[in-house]
Amino acid sequence: KIGIDRVYAELLPEDKLNILNKEIALN
């Protein structure tokens, strides 16, 4: 509805953190 490019759903706080850390590891 609002035009978001990608979605990660049904995550726990630690799951969110892991996704972000993977991105940061790729600079």
mmCIF file of all heavy atoms, coordinates in Angstrom:
data_MODEL
# 
_entry.id   MODEL 
# 
loop_
_atom_site.group_PDB 
_atom_site.id 
_atom_site.type_symbol 
_atom_site.label_atom_id 
_atom_site.label_alt_id 
_atom_site.label_comp_id 
_atom_site.label_asym_id 
_atom_site.label_entity_id 
_atom_site.label_seq_id 
_atom_site.pdbx_PDB_ins_code 
_atom_site.Cartn_x 
_atom_site.Cartn_y 
_atom_site.Cartn_z 
_atom_site.occupancy 
_atom_site.B_iso_or_equiv 
_atom_site.pdbx_formal_charge 
_atom_site.auth_seq_id 
_atom_site.auth_comp_id 
_atom_site.auth_asym_id 
_atom_site.auth_atom_id 
_atom_site.pdbx_PDB_model_num 
ATOM 1   N N   . LYS A 1 1  ? 0.820  -1.216  0.000  1.00 0.00 ? 1  LYS A N   1 
ATOM 2   C CA  . LYS A 1 1  ? 0.000  0.000   0.000  1.00 0.00 ? 1  LYS A CA  1 
ATOM 3   C C   . LYS A 1 1  ? 0.856  1.269   0.000  1.00 0.00 ? 1  LYS A C   1 
ATOM 4   O O   . LYS A 1 1  ? 0.476  2.279   -0.584 1.00 0.00 ? 1  LYS A O   1 
ATOM 5   C CB  . LYS A 1 1  ? -0.933 -0.010  1.206  1.00 0.00 ? 1  LYS A CB  1 
ATOM 6   C CG  . LYS A 1 1  ? -2.070 1.003   1.101  1.00 0.00 ? 1  LYS A CG  1 
ATOM 7   C CD  . LYS A 1 1  ? -3.187 0.673   2.064  1.00 0.00 ? 1  LYS A CD  1 
ATOM 8   C CE  . LYS A 1 1  ? -4.361 1.627   1.854  1.00 0.00 ? 1  LYS A CE  1 
ATOM 9   N NZ  . LYS A 1 1  ? -5.493 1.321   2.741  1.00 0.00 ? 1  LYS A NZ  1 
ATOM 10  N N   . ILE A 1 2  ? 2.029  1.224   0.658  1.00 0.00 ? 2  ILE A N   1 
ATOM 11  C CA  . ILE A 1 2  ? 2.846  2.446   0.770  1.00 0.00 ? 2  ILE A CA  1 
ATOM 12  C C   . ILE A 1 2  ? 4.103  2.408   -0.102 1.00 0.00 ? 2  ILE A C   1 
ATOM 13  O O   . ILE A 1 2  ? 4.856  3.386   -0.149 1.00 0.00 ? 2  ILE A O   1 
ATOM 14  C CB  . ILE A 1 2  ? 3.239  2.717   2.235  1.00 0.00 ? 2  ILE A CB  1 
ATOM 15  C CG1 . ILE A 1 2  ? 4.121  1.601   2.785  1.00 0.00 ? 2  ILE A CG1 1 
ATOM 16  C CG2 . ILE A 1 2  ? 2.007  2.915   3.085  1.00 0.00 ? 2  ILE A CG2 1 
ATOM 17  C CD1 . ILE A 1 2  ? 4.575  1.846   4.206  1.00 0.00 ? 2  ILE A CD1 1 
ATOM 18  N N   . GLY A 1 3  ? 4.342  1.290   -0.811 1.00 0.00 ? 3  GLY A N   1 
ATOM 19  C CA  . GLY A 1 3  ? 5.457  1.251   -1.762 1.00 0.00 ? 3  GLY A CA  1 
ATOM 20  C C   . GLY A 1 3  ? 6.794  0.820   -1.196 1.00 0.00 ? 3  GLY A C   1 
ATOM 21  O O   . GLY A 1 3  ? 7.847  1.188   -1.717 1.00 0.00 ? 3  GLY A O   1 
ATOM 22  N N   . ILE A 1 4  ? 6.782  0.007   -0.139 1.00 0.00 ? 4  ILE A N   1 
ATOM 23  C CA  . ILE A 1 4  ? 8.028  -0.531  0.423  1.00 0.00 ? 4  ILE A CA  1 
ATOM 24  C C   . ILE A 1 4  ? 8.626  -1.547  -0.548 1.00 0.00 ? 4  ILE A C   1 
ATOM 25  O O   . ILE A 1 4  ? 7.906  -2.360  -1.136 1.00 0.00 ? 4  ILE A O   1 
ATOM 26  C CB  . ILE A 1 4  ? 7.756  -1.208  1.792  1.00 0.00 ? 4  ILE A CB  1 
ATOM 27  C CG1 . ILE A 1 4  ? 7.378  -0.163  2.844  1.00 0.00 ? 4  ILE A CG1 1 
ATOM 28  C CG2 . ILE A 1 4  ? 8.937  -2.029  2.248  1.00 0.00 ? 4  ILE A CG2 1 
ATOM 29  C CD1 . ILE A 1 4  ? 8.522  0.615   3.417  1.00 0.00 ? 4  ILE A CD1 1 
ATOM 30  N N   . ASP A 1 5  ? 9.958  -1.532  -0.702 1.00 0.00 ? 5  ASP A N   1 
ATOM 31  C CA  . ASP A 1 5  ? 10.617 -2.411  -1.672 1.00 0.00 ? 5  ASP A CA  1 
ATOM 32  C C   . ASP A 1 5  ? 10.668 -3.873  -1.227 1.00 0.00 ? 5  ASP A C   1 
ATOM 33  O O   . ASP A 1 5  ? 10.459 -4.782  -2.031 1.00 0.00 ? 5  ASP A O   1 
ATOM 34  C CB  . ASP A 1 5  ? 12.052 -1.918  -1.925 1.00 0.00 ? 5  ASP A CB  1 
ATOM 35  C CG  . ASP A 1 5  ? 12.070 -0.537  -2.566 1.00 0.00 ? 5  ASP A CG  1 
ATOM 36  O OD1 . ASP A 1 5  ? 11.258 -0.305  -3.468 1.00 0.00 ? 5  ASP A OD1 1 
ATOM 37  O OD2 . ASP A 1 5  ? 12.892 0.301   -2.163 1.00 0.00 ? 5  ASP A OD2 1 
ATOM 38  N N   . ARG A 1 6  ? 11.001 -4.098  0.050  1.00 0.00 ? 6  ARG A N   1 
ATOM 39  C CA  . ARG A 1 6  ? 11.151 -5.467  0.548  1.00 0.00 ? 6  ARG A CA  1 
ATOM 40  C C   . ARG A 1 6  ? 10.515 -5.609  1.922  1.00 0.00 ? 6  ARG A C   1 
ATOM 41  O O   . ARG A 1 6  ? 10.398 -4.616  2.649  1.00 0.00 ? 6  ARG A O   1 
ATOM 42  C CB  . ARG A 1 6  ? 12.634 -5.845  0.665  1.00 0.00 ? 6  ARG A CB  1 
ATOM 43  C CG  . ARG A 1 6  ? 13.262 -6.321  -0.632 1.00 0.00 ? 6  ARG A CG  1 
ATOM 44  C CD  . ARG A 1 6  ? 14.622 -6.965  -0.351 1.00 0.00 ? 6  ARG A CD  1 
ATOM 45  N NE  . ARG A 1 6  ? 15.646 -5.997  -0.045 1.00 0.00 ? 6  ARG A NE  1 
ATOM 46  C CZ  . ARG A 1 6  ? 16.671 -6.227  0.765  1.00 0.00 ? 6  ARG A CZ  1 
ATOM 47  N NH1 . ARG A 1 6  ? 16.749 -7.390  1.400  1.00 0.00 ? 6  ARG A NH1 1 
ATOM 48  N NH2 . ARG A 1 6  ? 17.585 -5.309  0.979  1.00 0.00 ? 6  ARG A NH2 1 
ATOM 49  N N   . VAL A 1 7  ? 10.150 -6.846  2.289  1.00 0.00 ? 7  VAL A N   1 
ATOM 50  C CA  . VAL A 1 7  ? 9.498  -7.089  3.580  1.00 0.00 ? 7  VAL A CA  1 
ATOM 51  C C   . VAL A 1 7  ? 10.115 -8.317  4.252  1.00 0.00 ? 7  VAL A C   1 
ATOM 52  O O   . VAL A 1 7  ? 10.311 -9.356  3.614  1.00 0.00 ? 7  VAL A O   1 
ATOM 53  C CB  . VAL A 1 7  ? 7.982  -7.339  3.409  1.00 0.00 ? 7  VAL A CB  1 
ATOM 54  C CG1 . VAL A 1 7  ? 7.341  -7.620  4.756  1.00 0.00 ? 7  VAL A CG1 1 
ATOM 55  C CG2 . VAL A 1 7  ? 7.313  -6.156  2.749  1.00 0.00 ? 7  VAL A CG2 1 
ATOM 56  N N   . TYR A 1 8  ? 10.448 -8.166  5.538  1.00 0.00 ? 8  TYR A N   1 
ATOM 57  C CA  . TYR A 1 8  ? 10.792 -9.301  6.402  1.00 0.00 ? 8  TYR A CA  1 
ATOM 58  C C   . TYR A 1 8  ? 9.766  -9.299  7.533  1.00 0.00 ? 8  TYR A C   1 
ATOM 59  O O   . TYR A 1 8  ? 9.679  -8.322  8.279  1.00 0.00 ? 8  TYR A O   1 
ATOM 60  C CB  . TYR A 1 8  ? 12.195 -9.156  6.986  1.00 0.00 ? 8  TYR A CB  1 
ATOM 61  C CG  . TYR A 1 8  ? 13.310 -9.177  5.962  1.00 0.00 ? 8  TYR A CG  1 
ATOM 62  C CD1 . TYR A 1 8  ? 13.881 -7.997  5.504  1.00 0.00 ? 8  TYR A CD1 1 
ATOM 63  C CD2 . TYR A 1 8  ? 13.803 -10.388 5.479  1.00 0.00 ? 8  TYR A CD2 1 
ATOM 64  C CE1 . TYR A 1 8  ? 14.911 -8.020  4.576  1.00 0.00 ? 8  TYR A CE1 1 
ATOM 65  C CE2 . TYR A 1 8  ? 14.835 -10.415 4.552  1.00 0.00 ? 8  TYR A CE2 1 
ATOM 66  C CZ  . TYR A 1 8  ? 15.385 -9.226  4.106  1.00 0.00 ? 8  TYR A CZ  1 
ATOM 67  O OH  . TYR A 1 8  ? 16.401 -9.248  3.190  1.00 0.00 ? 8  TYR A OH  1 
ATOM 68  N N   . ALA A 1 9  ? 9.015  -10.382 7.659  1.00 0.00 ? 9  ALA A N   1 
ATOM 69  C CA  . ALA A 1 9  ? 7.924  -10.411 8.642  1.00 0.00 ? 9  ALA A CA  1 
ATOM 70  C C   . ALA A 1 9  ? 8.090  -11.567 9.631  1.00 0.00 ? 9  ALA A C   1 
ATOM 71  O O   . ALA A 1 9  ? 8.928  -12.454 9.451  1.00 0.00 ? 9  ALA A O   1 
ATOM 72  C CB  . ALA A 1 9  ? 6.588  -10.524 7.921  1.00 0.00 ? 9  ALA A CB  1 
ATOM 73  N N   . GLU A 1 10 ? 7.264  -11.508 10.690 1.00 0.00 ? 10 GLU A N   1 
ATOM 74  C CA  . GLU A 1 10 ? 7.218  -12.536 11.736 1.00 0.00 ? 10 GLU A CA  1 
ATOM 75  C C   . GLU A 1 10 ? 8.602  -12.773 12.348 1.00 0.00 ? 10 GLU A C   1 
ATOM 76  O O   . GLU A 1 10 ? 9.060  -13.904 12.508 1.00 0.00 ? 10 GLU A O   1 
ATOM 77  C CB  . GLU A 1 10 ? 6.628  -13.836 11.171 1.00 0.00 ? 10 GLU A CB  1 
ATOM 78  C CG  . GLU A 1 10 ? 5.194  -13.655 10.669 1.00 0.00 ? 10 GLU A CG  1 
ATOM 79  C CD  . GLU A 1 10 ? 4.571  -14.953 10.181 1.00 0.00 ? 10 GLU A CD  1 
ATOM 80  O OE1 . GLU A 1 10 ? 5.057  -16.025 10.570 1.00 0.00 ? 10 GLU A OE1 1 
ATOM 81  O OE2 . GLU A 1 10 ? 3.589  -14.870 9.415  1.00 0.00 ? 10 GLU A OE2 1 
ATOM 82  N N   . LEU A 1 11 ? 9.269  -11.680 12.706 1.00 0.00 ? 11 LEU A N   1 
ATOM 83  C CA  . LEU A 1 11 ? 10.625 -11.751 13.244 1.00 0.00 ? 11 LEU A CA  1 
ATOM 84  C C   . LEU A 1 11 ? 10.656 -11.423 14.733 1.00 0.00 ? 11 LEU A C   1 
ATOM 85  O O   . LEU A 1 11 ? 9.892  -10.584 15.203 1.00 0.00 ? 11 LEU A O   1 
ATOM 86  C CB  . LEU A 1 11 ? 11.547 -10.764 12.519 1.00 0.00 ? 11 LEU A CB  1 
ATOM 87  C CG  . LEU A 1 11 ? 11.685 -10.923 11.002 1.00 0.00 ? 11 LEU A CG  1 
ATOM 88  C CD1 . LEU A 1 11 ? 12.548 -9.805  10.449 1.00 0.00 ? 11 LEU A CD1 1 
ATOM 89  C CD2 . LEU A 1 11 ? 12.282 -12.276 10.656 1.00 0.00 ? 11 LEU A CD2 1 
ATOM 90  N N   . LEU A 1 12 ? 11.556 -12.057 15.449 1.00 0.00 ? 12 LEU A N   1 
ATOM 91  C CA  . LEU A 1 12 ? 11.860 -11.683 16.822 1.00 0.00 ? 12 LEU A CA  1 
ATOM 92  C C   . LEU A 1 12 ? 12.914 -10.580 16.795 1.00 0.00 ? 12 LEU A C   1 
ATOM 93  O O   . LEU A 1 12 ? 13.576 -10.373 15.770 1.00 0.00 ? 12 LEU A O   1 
ATOM 94  C CB  . LEU A 1 12 ? 12.383 -12.896 17.598 1.00 0.00 ? 12 LEU A CB  1 
ATOM 95  C CG  . LEU A 1 12 ? 11.396 -14.056 17.773 1.00 0.00 ? 12 LEU A CG  1 
ATOM 96  C CD1 . LEU A 1 12 ? 12.103 -15.240 18.413 1.00 0.00 ? 12 LEU A CD1 1 
ATOM 97  C CD2 . LEU A 1 12 ? 10.200 -13.624 18.602 1.00 0.00 ? 12 LEU A CD2 1 
ATOM 98  N N   . PRO A 1 13 ? 13.110 -9.857  17.903 1.00 0.00 ? 13 PRO A N   1 
ATOM 99  C CA  . PRO A 1 13 ? 14.122 -8.798  17.923 1.00 0.00 ? 13 PRO A CA  1 
ATOM 100 C C   . PRO A 1 13 ? 15.503 -9.280  17.482 1.00 0.00 ? 13 PRO A C   1 
ATOM 101 O O   . PRO A 1 13 ? 16.212 -8.581  16.755 1.00 0.00 ? 13 PRO A O   1 
ATOM 102 C CB  . PRO A 1 13 ? 14.128 -8.354  19.385 1.00 0.00 ? 13 PRO A CB  1 
ATOM 103 C CG  . PRO A 1 13 ? 12.747 -8.639  19.864 1.00 0.00 ? 13 PRO A CG  1 
ATOM 104 C CD  . PRO A 1 13 ? 12.334 -9.887  19.157 1.00 0.00 ? 13 PRO A CD  1 
ATOM 105 N N   . GLU A 1 14 ? 15.894 -10.500 17.907 1.00 0.00 ? 14 GLU A N   1 
ATOM 106 C CA  . GLU A 1 14 ? 17.210 -11.009 17.514 1.00 0.00 ? 14 GLU A CA  1 
ATOM 107 C C   . GLU A 1 14 ? 17.278 -11.338 16.024 1.00 0.00 ? 14 GLU A C   1 
ATOM 108 O O   . GLU A 1 14 ? 18.353 -11.249 15.408 1.00 0.00 ? 14 GLU A O   1 
ATOM 109 C CB  . GLU A 1 14 ? 17.600 -12.241 18.341 1.00 0.00 ? 14 GLU A CB  1 
ATOM 110 C CG  . GLU A 1 14 ? 16.610 -13.384 18.317 1.00 0.00 ? 14 GLU A CG  1 
ATOM 111 C CD  . GLU A 1 14 ? 15.651 -13.358 19.488 1.00 0.00 ? 14 GLU A CD  1 
ATOM 112 O OE1 . GLU A 1 14 ? 15.277 -12.252 19.928 1.00 0.00 ? 14 GLU A OE1 1 
ATOM 113 O OE2 . GLU A 1 14 ? 15.266 -14.447 19.954 1.00 0.00 ? 14 GLU A OE2 1 
ATOM 114 N N   . ASP A 1 15 ? 16.125 -11.696 15.413 1.00 0.00 ? 15 ASP A N   1 
ATOM 115 C CA  . ASP A 1 15 ? 16.087 -11.947 13.969 1.00 0.00 ? 15 ASP A CA  1 
ATOM 116 C C   . ASP A 1 15 ? 16.324 -10.651 13.194 1.00 0.00 ? 15 ASP A C   1 
ATOM 117 O O   . ASP A 1 15 ? 17.047 -10.636 12.194 1.00 0.00 ? 15 ASP A O   1 
ATOM 118 C CB  . ASP A 1 15 ? 14.736 -12.539 13.560 1.00 0.00 ? 15 ASP A CB  1 
ATOM 119 C CG  . ASP A 1 15 ? 14.460 -13.884 14.225 1.00 0.00 ? 15 ASP A CG  1 
ATOM 120 O OD1 . ASP A 1 15 ? 15.435 -14.623 14.458 1.00 0.00 ? 15 ASP A OD1 1 
ATOM 121 O OD2 . ASP A 1 15 ? 13.287 -14.174 14.519 1.00 0.00 ? 15 ASP A OD2 1 
ATOM 122 N N   . LYS A 1 16 ? 15.703 -9.576  13.665 1.00 0.00 ? 16 LYS A N   1 
ATOM 123 C CA  . LYS A 1 16 ? 15.905 -8.269  13.038 1.00 0.00 ? 16 LYS A CA  1 
ATOM 124 C C   . LYS A 1 16 ? 17.378 -7.885  13.091 1.00 0.00 ? 16 LYS A C   1 
ATOM 125 O O   . LYS A 1 16 ? 17.959 -7.416  12.105 1.00 0.00 ? 16 LYS A O   1 
ATOM 126 C CB  . LYS A 1 16 ? 15.080 -7.193  13.756 1.00 0.00 ? 16 LYS A CB  1 
ATOM 127 C CG  . LYS A 1 16 ? 13.578 -7.347  13.653 1.00 0.00 ? 16 LYS A CG  1 
ATOM 128 C CD  . LYS A 1 16 ? 12.887 -6.208  14.402 1.00 0.00 ? 16 LYS A CD  1 
ATOM 129 C CE  . LYS A 1 16 ? 11.375 -6.325  14.367 1.00 0.00 ? 16 LYS A CE  1 
ATOM 130 N NZ  . LYS A 1 16 ? 10.711 -5.204  15.080 1.00 0.00 ? 16 LYS A NZ  1 
ATOM 131 N N   . LEU A 1 17 ? 17.969 -8.082  14.262 1.00 0.00 ? 17 LEU A N   1 
ATOM 132 C CA  . LEU A 1 17 ? 19.367 -7.722  14.470 1.00 0.00 ? 17 LEU A CA  1 
ATOM 133 C C   . LEU A 1 17 ? 20.285 -8.512  13.544 1.00 0.00 ? 17 LEU A C   1 
ATOM 134 O O   . LEU A 1 17 ? 21.232 -7.966  12.964 1.00 0.00 ? 17 LEU A O   1 
ATOM 135 C CB  . LEU A 1 17 ? 19.741 -7.974  15.933 1.00 0.00 ? 17 LEU A CB  1 
ATOM 136 C CG  . LEU A 1 17 ? 21.115 -7.504  16.388 1.00 0.00 ? 17 LEU A CG  1 
ATOM 137 C CD1 . LEU A 1 17 ? 21.268 -6.007  16.193 1.00 0.00 ? 17 LEU A CD1 1 
ATOM 138 C CD2 . LEU A 1 17 ? 21.339 -7.874  17.850 1.00 0.00 ? 17 LEU A CD2 1 
ATOM 139 N N   . ASN A 1 18 ? 19.996 -9.800  13.374 1.00 0.00 ? 18 ASN A N   1 
ATOM 140 C CA  . ASN A 1 18 ? 20.818 -10.643 12.500 1.00 0.00 ? 18 ASN A CA  1 
ATOM 141 C C   . ASN A 1 18 ? 20.765 -10.179 11.050 1.00 0.00 ? 18 ASN A C   1 
ATOM 142 O O   . ASN A 1 18 ? 21.789 -10.175 10.347 1.00 0.00 ? 18 ASN A O   1 
ATOM 143 C CB  . ASN A 1 18 ? 20.363 -12.109 12.582 1.00 0.00 ? 18 ASN A CB  1 
ATOM 144 C CG  . ASN A 1 18 ? 20.698 -12.742 13.917 1.00 0.00 ? 18 ASN A CG  1 
ATOM 145 O OD1 . ASN A 1 18 ? 21.631 -12.305 14.593 1.00 0.00 ? 18 ASN A OD1 1 
ATOM 146 N ND2 . ASN A 1 18 ? 19.946 -13.753 14.319 1.00 0.00 ? 18 ASN A ND2 1 
ATOM 147 N N   . ILE A 1 19 ? 19.581 -9.771  10.592 1.00 0.00 ? 19 ILE A N   1 
ATOM 148 C CA  . ILE A 1 19 ? 19.437 -9.271  9.216  1.00 0.00 ? 19 ILE A CA  1 
ATOM 149 C C   . ILE A 1 19 ? 20.261 -8.007  9.013  1.00 0.00 ? 19 ILE A C   1 
ATOM 150 O O   . ILE A 1 19 ? 20.977 -7.852  8.018  1.00 0.00 ? 19 ILE A O   1 
ATOM 151 C CB  . ILE A 1 19 ? 17.945 -9.019  8.891  1.00 0.00 ? 19 ILE A CB  1 
ATOM 152 C CG1 . ILE A 1 19 ? 17.193 -10.344 8.787  1.00 0.00 ? 19 ILE A CG1 1 
ATOM 153 C CG2 . ILE A 1 19 ? 17.795 -8.219  7.600  1.00 0.00 ? 19 ILE A CG2 1 
ATOM 154 C CD1 . ILE A 1 19 ? 15.689 -10.207 8.702  1.00 0.00 ? 19 ILE A CD1 1 
ATOM 155 N N   . LEU A 1 20 ? 20.182 -7.088  9.977  1.00 0.00 ? 20 LEU A N   1 
ATOM 156 C CA  . LEU A 1 20 ? 20.942 -5.839  9.868  1.00 0.00 ? 20 LEU A CA  1 
ATOM 157 C C   . LEU A 1 20 ? 22.444 -6.102  9.913  1.00 0.00 ? 20 LEU A C   1 
ATOM 158 O O   . LEU A 1 20 ? 23.214 -5.499  9.154  1.00 0.00 ? 20 LEU A O   1 
ATOM 159 C CB  . LEU A 1 20 ? 20.552 -4.886  10.995 1.00 0.00 ? 20 LEU A CB  1 
ATOM 160 C CG  . LEU A 1 20 ? 19.114 -4.372  11.027 1.00 0.00 ? 20 LEU A CG  1 
ATOM 161 C CD1 . LEU A 1 20 ? 18.970 -3.284  12.090 1.00 0.00 ? 20 LEU A CD1 1 
ATOM 162 C CD2 . LEU A 1 20 ? 18.671 -3.832  9.693  1.00 0.00 ? 20 LEU A CD2 1 
ATOM 163 N N   . ASN A 1 21 ? 22.875 -7.009  10.784 1.00 0.00 ? 21 ASN A N   1 
ATOM 164 C CA  . ASN A 1 21 ? 24.307 -7.297  10.908 1.00 0.00 ? 21 ASN A CA  1 
ATOM 165 C C   . ASN A 1 21 ? 24.876 -7.923  9.633  1.00 0.00 ? 21 ASN A C   1 
ATOM 166 O O   . ASN A 1 21 ? 26.038 -7.680  9.280  1.00 0.00 ? 21 ASN A O   1 
ATOM 167 C CB  . ASN A 1 21 ? 24.568 -8.216  12.101 1.00 0.00 ? 21 ASN A CB  1 
ATOM 168 C CG  . ASN A 1 21 ? 24.455 -7.475  13.421 1.00 0.00 ? 21 ASN A CG  1 
ATOM 169 O OD1 . ASN A 1 21 ? 24.617 -6.260  13.467 1.00 0.00 ? 21 ASN A OD1 1 
ATOM 170 N ND2 . ASN A 1 21 ? 24.181 -8.187  14.497 1.00 0.00 ? 21 ASN A ND2 1 
ATOM 171 N N   . LYS A 1 22 ? 24.060 -8.709  8.938  1.00 0.00 ? 22 LYS A N   1 
ATOM 172 C CA  . LYS A 1 22 ? 24.499 -9.281  7.655  1.00 0.00 ? 22 LYS A CA  1 
ATOM 173 C C   . LYS A 1 22 ? 24.718 -8.176  6.625  1.00 0.00 ? 22 LYS A C   1 
ATOM 174 O O   . LYS A 1 22 ? 25.665 -8.223  5.841  1.00 0.00 ? 22 LYS A O   1 
ATOM 175 C CB  . LYS A 1 22 ? 23.456 -10.287 7.147  1.00 0.00 ? 22 LYS A CB  1 
ATOM 176 C CG  . LYS A 1 22 ? 23.478 -11.614 7.898  1.00 0.00 ? 22 LYS A CG  1 
ATOM 177 C CD  . LYS A 1 22 ? 22.387 -12.548 7.392  1.00 0.00 ? 22 LYS A CD  1 
ATOM 178 C CE  . LYS A 1 22 ? 22.362 -13.846 8.210  1.00 0.00 ? 22 LYS A CE  1 
ATOM 179 N NZ  . LYS A 1 22 ? 21.245 -14.737 7.783  1.00 0.00 ? 22 LYS A NZ  1 
ATOM 180 N N   . GLU A 1 23 ? 23.829 -7.185  6.613  1.00 0.00 ? 23 GLU A N   1 
ATOM 181 C CA  . GLU A 1 23 ? 23.966 -6.055  5.688  1.00 0.00 ? 23 GLU A CA  1 
ATOM 182 C C   . GLU A 1 23 ? 25.229 -5.252  6.010  1.00 0.00 ? 23 GLU A C   1 
ATOM 183 O O   . GLU A 1 23 ? 25.984 -4.873  5.126  1.00 0.00 ? 23 GLU A O   1 
ATOM 184 C CB  . GLU A 1 23 ? 22.733 -5.147  5.788  1.00 0.00 ? 23 GLU A CB  1 
ATOM 185 C CG  . GLU A 1 23 ? 21.442 -5.758  5.294  1.00 0.00 ? 23 GLU A CG  1 
ATOM 186 C CD  . GLU A 1 23 ? 21.281 -5.652  3.789  1.00 0.00 ? 23 GLU A CD  1 
ATOM 187 O OE1 . GLU A 1 23 ? 22.293 -5.468  3.090  1.00 0.00 ? 23 GLU A OE1 1 
ATOM 188 O OE2 . GLU A 1 23 ? 20.129 -5.741  3.326  1.00 0.00 ? 23 GLU A OE2 1 
ATOM 189 N N   . ILE A 1 24 ? 25.436 -5.003  7.302  1.00 0.00 ? 24 ILE A N   1 
ATOM 190 C CA  . ILE A 1 24 ? 26.600 -4.221  7.732  1.00 0.00 ? 24 ILE A CA  1 
ATOM 191 C C   . ILE A 1 24 ? 27.892 -4.958  7.399  1.00 0.00 ? 24 ILE A C   1 
ATOM 192 O O   . ILE A 1 24 ? 28.898 -4.343  7.015  1.00 0.00 ? 24 ILE A O   1 
ATOM 193 C CB  . ILE A 1 24 ? 26.507 -3.911  9.244  1.00 0.00 ? 24 ILE A CB  1 
ATOM 194 C CG1 . ILE A 1 24 ? 25.321 -2.965  9.504  1.00 0.00 ? 24 ILE A CG1 1 
ATOM 195 C CG2 . ILE A 1 24 ? 27.792 -3.279  9.763  1.00 0.00 ? 24 ILE A CG2 1 
ATOM 196 C CD1 . ILE A 1 24 ? 24.947 -2.825  10.953 1.00 0.00 ? 24 ILE A CD1 1 
ATOM 197 N N   . ALA A 1 25 ? 27.879 -6.293  7.515  1.00 0.00 ? 25 ALA A N   1 
ATOM 198 C CA  . ALA A 1 25 ? 29.057 -7.095  7.178  1.00 0.00 ? 25 ALA A CA  1 
ATOM 199 C C   . ALA A 1 25 ? 29.418 -6.984  5.702  1.00 0.00 ? 25 ALA A C   1 
ATOM 200 O O   . ALA A 1 25 ? 30.576 -7.179  5.319  1.00 0.00 ? 25 ALA A O   1 
ATOM 201 C CB  . ALA A 1 25 ? 28.810 -8.557  7.547  1.00 0.00 ? 25 ALA A CB  1 
ATOM 202 N N   . LEU A 1 26 ? 28.427 -6.649  4.880  1.00 0.00 ? 26 LEU A N   1 
ATOM 203 C CA  . LEU A 1 26 ? 28.663 -6.456  3.436  1.00 0.00 ? 26 LEU A CA  1 
ATOM 204 C C   . LEU A 1 26 ? 29.020 -5.005  3.116  1.00 0.00 ? 26 LEU A C   1 
ATOM 205 O O   . LEU A 1 26 ? 28.997 -4.591  1.957  1.00 0.00 ? 26 LEU A O   1 
ATOM 206 C CB  . LEU A 1 26 ? 27.405 -6.863  2.656  1.00 0.00 ? 26 LEU A CB  1 
ATOM 207 C CG  . LEU A 1 26 ? 27.007 -8.346  2.750  1.00 0.00 ? 26 LEU A CG  1 
ATOM 208 C CD1 . LEU A 1 26 ? 25.656 -8.578  2.101  1.00 0.00 ? 26 LEU A CD1 1 
ATOM 209 C CD2 . LEU A 1 26 ? 28.074 -9.231  2.096  1.00 0.00 ? 26 LEU A CD2 1 
ATOM 210 N N   . ASN A 1 27 ? 29.326 -4.229  4.170  1.00 0.00 ? 27 ASN A N   1 
ATOM 211 C CA  . ASN A 1 27 ? 29.710 -2.808  4.051  1.00 0.00 ? 27 ASN A CA  1 
ATOM 212 C C   . ASN A 1 27 ? 28.584 -1.923  3.536  1.00 0.00 ? 27 ASN A C   1 
ATOM 213 O O   . ASN A 1 27 ? 28.843 -0.882  2.925  1.00 0.00 ? 27 ASN A O   1 
ATOM 214 C CB  . ASN A 1 27 ? 30.948 -2.650  3.154  1.00 0.00 ? 27 ASN A CB  1 
ATOM 215 C CG  . ASN A 1 27 ? 32.189 -3.259  3.789  1.00 0.00 ? 27 ASN A CG  1 
ATOM 216 O OD1 . ASN A 1 27 ? 32.405 -3.123  4.982  1.00 0.00 ? 27 ASN A OD1 1 
ATOM 217 N ND2 . ASN A 1 27 ? 32.995 -3.948  2.978  1.00 0.00 ? 27 ASN A ND2 1 
# 
